[in-house]
Amino acid sequence: MTAMAGVERAFSTVQELSRAPVGVTAQTIQLYDVGTTPLTTVTTTTYMASILLPENLPVNQIGTLVTVAGTETGFWVALCDAARVVRAVSANTAAAAAGFFNQSVLPVSGVAFVTPAPGLYYVALGTVSTVAPQVGAMAALPTVAAASGPPIYCGTSATVASAVPPPVGTQLGVITGVAAAQFYAQLL
């Protein structure tokens, strides 16, 4: 990469984050890429959305854009590394309100998780509901192959979601690419 290309990419990243809500340090997709068709979650499904993160980024909260609040007994988010190991996770909530819904995430040590290296991470979203909540997402990719990588862009984990979030250090199941699963999540 040329020096100019690096500067252009850095400027592009600053521009993209300047359109995000205040305090957002990273996003799975840009807010302006959220389409008119939200992701309607399926109970006990764990969704995974890729996110590129820099080194030394502290993660205190993960937020989603809830477009329609459901009737859930489980709603949690987690940050996983490229191997799908949970590095930070929120508590379960049964009241995901419509709008930007930020949840505090802490690793076992009680301090913010700080990314040890730049690269690919995943935001996991688990729901358990009788009426499915909907979250902001981009339009479906043209094919499942487009989501399936490598690396896998977005999809569902083989790990079944429950009202009890997975503990830090848990490796979530294999991701299956799903063309319509790239949901919006923000790190704060």
Protein backbone atom coordinates (compact mmCIF):
# COMPACT_ATOMS: atom_id res chain seq x y z
CA MET A 1 0.00 0.00 0.00
CA THR A 2 1.34 3.40 -0.89
CA ALA A 3 1.54 6.13 1.72
CA MET A 4 -1.16 8.06 -0.11
CA ALA A 5 -3.49 5.04 -0.12
CA GLY A 6 -2.98 4.70 3.64
CA VAL A 7 -3.82 8.37 4.16
CA GLU A 8 -6.91 8.05 1.95
CA ARG A 9 -8.10 5.00 3.91
CA ALA A 10 -7.52 6.75 7.24
CA PHE A 11 -9.47 9.79 6.01
CA SER A 12 -12.25 7.53 4.76
CA THR A 13 -12.46 5.85 8.19
CA VAL A 14 -12.67 9.24 9.92
CA GLN A 15 -15.39 10.33 7.50
CA GLU A 16 -17.34 7.12 8.10
CA LEU A 17 -17.16 7.44 11.88
CA SER A 18 -18.09 11.13 11.68
CA ARG A 19 -21.55 10.02 10.53
CA ALA A 20 -21.94 7.64 13.48
CA PRO A 21 -23.51 8.54 16.84
CA VAL A 22 -21.22 10.37 19.28
CA GLY A 23 -18.63 8.15 20.97
CA VAL A 24 -18.69 5.33 18.40
CA THR A 25 -15.19 3.97 17.72
CA ALA A 26 -16.04 1.20 15.22
CA GLN A 27 -19.03 -0.21 13.32
CA THR A 28 -19.84 -3.50 11.62
CA ILE A 29 -21.29 -1.55 8.69
CA GLN A 30 -21.66 2.17 8.19
CA LEU A 31 -24.89 3.59 9.54
CA TYR A 32 -25.80 4.91 6.09
CA ASP A 33 -25.63 1.30 4.78
CA VAL A 34 -28.55 0.24 6.98
CA GLY A 35 -31.31 -0.69 4.58
CA THR A 36 -35.05 -0.51 4.79
CA THR A 37 -35.40 -4.22 5.55
CA PRO A 38 -34.21 -5.00 9.08
CA LEU A 39 -32.88 -8.33 10.25
CA THR A 40 -35.75 -10.10 11.98
CA THR A 41 -34.06 -12.27 14.55
CA VAL A 42 -35.04 -15.88 15.08
CA THR A 43 -35.30 -17.06 18.66
CA THR A 44 -32.28 -18.97 20.02
CA THR A 45 -30.15 -18.00 17.00
CA THR A 46 -26.74 -16.41 17.45
CA TYR A 47 -25.95 -13.95 14.66
CA MET A 48 -22.37 -13.01 13.81
CA ALA A 49 -21.31 -9.82 11.97
CA SER A 50 -17.71 -9.14 11.02
CA ILE A 51 -15.95 -5.98 12.13
CA LEU A 52 -12.40 -4.78 11.43
CA LEU A 53 -10.71 -3.30 14.48
CA PRO A 54 -7.39 -1.55 15.08
CA GLU A 55 -4.89 -2.55 17.73
CA ASN A 56 -5.32 -1.13 21.27
CA LEU A 57 -9.01 -0.25 20.93
CA PRO A 58 -10.79 -0.37 24.31
CA VAL A 59 -14.32 -1.79 24.08
CA ASN A 60 -16.66 -0.72 26.88
CA GLN A 61 -20.03 -1.01 25.16
CA ILE A 62 -21.54 -2.65 22.12
CA GLY A 63 -24.70 -1.19 20.66
CA THR A 64 -27.22 -2.34 18.11
CA LEU A 65 -29.89 -0.44 16.25
CA VAL A 66 -33.15 -2.00 17.37
CA THR A 67 -35.77 -1.08 14.77
CA VAL A 68 -38.65 -3.00 16.35
CA ALA A 69 -38.59 -4.08 19.97
CA GLY A 70 -39.75 -7.64 20.44
CA THR A 71 -40.92 -9.61 23.42
CA GLU A 72 -37.68 -11.19 24.45
CA THR A 73 -36.42 -13.02 27.49
CA GLY A 74 -32.91 -12.95 26.08
CA PHE A 75 -30.98 -10.23 24.26
CA TRP A 76 -27.20 -10.01 24.55
CA VAL A 77 -24.16 -8.97 22.51
CA ALA A 78 -20.56 -10.12 22.57
CA LEU A 79 -17.27 -9.27 20.90
CA CYS A 80 -15.44 -12.32 19.58
CA ASP A 81 -12.02 -12.66 18.00
CA ALA A 82 -11.48 -14.20 14.55
CA ALA A 83 -11.53 -17.69 16.12
CA ARG A 84 -15.01 -16.90 17.55
CA VAL A 85 -13.75 -16.80 21.15
CA VAL A 86 -15.83 -14.44 23.31
CA ARG A 87 -13.60 -11.61 24.55
CA ALA A 88 -16.27 -9.35 26.06
CA VAL A 89 -19.99 -9.93 26.62
CA SER A 90 -22.98 -8.00 27.91
CA ALA A 91 -25.43 -9.13 30.53
CA ASN A 92 -28.75 -10.48 29.32
CA THR A 93 -31.62 -8.03 29.00
CA ALA A 94 -35.30 -8.59 28.47
CA ALA A 95 -35.98 -5.01 27.43
CA ALA A 96 -34.21 -4.10 24.20
CA ALA A 97 -35.86 -0.77 23.44
CA ALA A 98 -36.21 0.56 19.90
CA GLY A 99 -33.42 2.91 18.85
CA PHE A 100 -29.72 2.70 19.58
CA PHE A 101 -29.45 0.13 22.34
CA ASN A 102 -26.00 0.13 23.96
CA GLN A 103 -24.98 -2.54 26.43
CA SER A 104 -21.92 -2.49 28.66
CA VAL A 105 -19.52 -5.33 28.02
CA LEU A 106 -16.78 -6.40 30.36
CA PRO A 107 -14.34 -9.28 30.29
CA VAL A 108 -13.74 -11.44 33.36
CA SER A 109 -11.15 -9.03 34.76
CA GLY A 110 -13.76 -6.26 35.11
CA VAL A 111 -11.91 -3.82 32.86
CA ALA A 112 -12.50 -2.96 29.23
CA PHE A 113 -11.30 -5.44 26.64
CA VAL A 114 -8.53 -3.89 24.55
CA THR A 115 -7.88 -5.36 21.12
CA PRO A 116 -4.42 -6.97 21.22
CA ALA A 117 -3.93 -6.84 17.45
CA PRO A 118 -5.58 -5.27 14.41
CA GLY A 119 -7.78 -7.47 12.30
CA LEU A 120 -11.04 -9.33 11.96
CA TYR A 121 -13.37 -9.67 14.92
CA TYR A 122 -17.06 -10.54 15.16
CA VAL A 123 -19.98 -9.02 17.02
CA ALA A 124 -22.35 -11.75 18.18
CA LEU A 125 -26.03 -11.09 18.87
CA GLY A 126 -28.16 -13.65 20.66
CA THR A 127 -31.91 -13.44 21.18
CA VAL A 128 -34.58 -15.56 22.82
CA SER A 129 -38.08 -14.25 22.16
CA THR A 130 -41.74 -14.92 21.63
CA VAL A 131 -42.03 -11.88 19.35
CA ALA A 132 -38.81 -11.39 17.42
CA PRO A 133 -36.93 -8.11 17.81
CA GLN A 134 -35.64 -6.56 14.60
CA VAL A 135 -32.27 -4.86 14.20
CA GLY A 136 -30.90 -2.54 11.55
CA ALA A 137 -29.04 -4.36 8.79
CA MET A 138 -27.80 -3.77 5.30
CA ALA A 139 -29.55 -5.14 2.23
CA ALA A 140 -28.88 -8.81 1.64
CA LEU A 141 -25.69 -9.64 -0.21
CA PRO A 142 -26.27 -10.99 -3.73
CA THR A 143 -25.51 -14.59 -2.79
CA VAL A 144 -24.73 -16.74 0.23
CA ALA A 145 -21.27 -17.26 -1.29
CA ALA A 146 -20.67 -13.51 -0.94
CA ALA A 147 -21.18 -13.83 2.83
CA SER A 148 -19.28 -17.09 3.19
CA GLY A 149 -15.78 -15.84 2.41
CA PRO A 150 -13.17 -16.60 3.41
CA PRO A 151 -13.34 -14.82 5.68
CA ILE A 152 -16.99 -15.20 6.59
CA TYR A 153 -18.59 -11.78 6.37
CA CYS A 154 -21.78 -12.49 8.30
CA GLY A 155 -23.99 -15.38 9.29
CA THR A 156 -25.23 -17.53 12.14
CA SER A 157 -23.23 -19.46 14.69
CA ALA A 158 -23.76 -23.14 15.44
CA THR A 159 -24.01 -22.05 19.09
CA VAL A 160 -27.64 -21.84 20.20
CA ALA A 161 -28.49 -18.55 21.93
CA SER A 162 -30.05 -18.70 25.36
CA ALA A 163 -31.06 -16.12 27.96
CA VAL A 164 -27.68 -16.77 29.60
CA PRO A 165 -24.91 -15.09 27.58
CA PRO A 166 -21.82 -17.19 26.84
CA PRO A 167 -18.98 -16.60 29.32
CA VAL A 168 -15.80 -14.83 28.28
CA GLY A 169 -13.39 -17.41 26.87
CA THR A 170 -16.12 -19.54 25.27
CA GLN A 171 -15.55 -20.45 21.64
CA LEU A 172 -18.78 -20.03 19.70
CA GLY A 173 -19.70 -22.59 17.05
CA VAL A 174 -18.81 -22.48 13.39
CA ILE A 175 -20.35 -19.63 11.40
CA THR A 176 -22.56 -20.41 8.42
CA GLY A 177 -22.71 -17.54 5.93
CA VAL A 178 -26.12 -15.91 5.57
CA ALA A 179 -26.57 -13.26 2.88
CA ALA A 180 -29.02 -11.17 4.95
CA ALA A 181 -27.29 -11.28 8.35
CA GLN A 182 -24.93 -8.26 8.26
CA PHE A 183 -26.48 -6.25 11.09
CA TYR A 184 -25.39 -2.86 12.38
CA ALA A 185 -23.43 -2.86 15.60
CA GLN A 186 -21.32 -0.11 17.11
CA LEU A 187 -18.49 -0.18 19.61
CA LEU A 188 -18.11 2.55 22.20
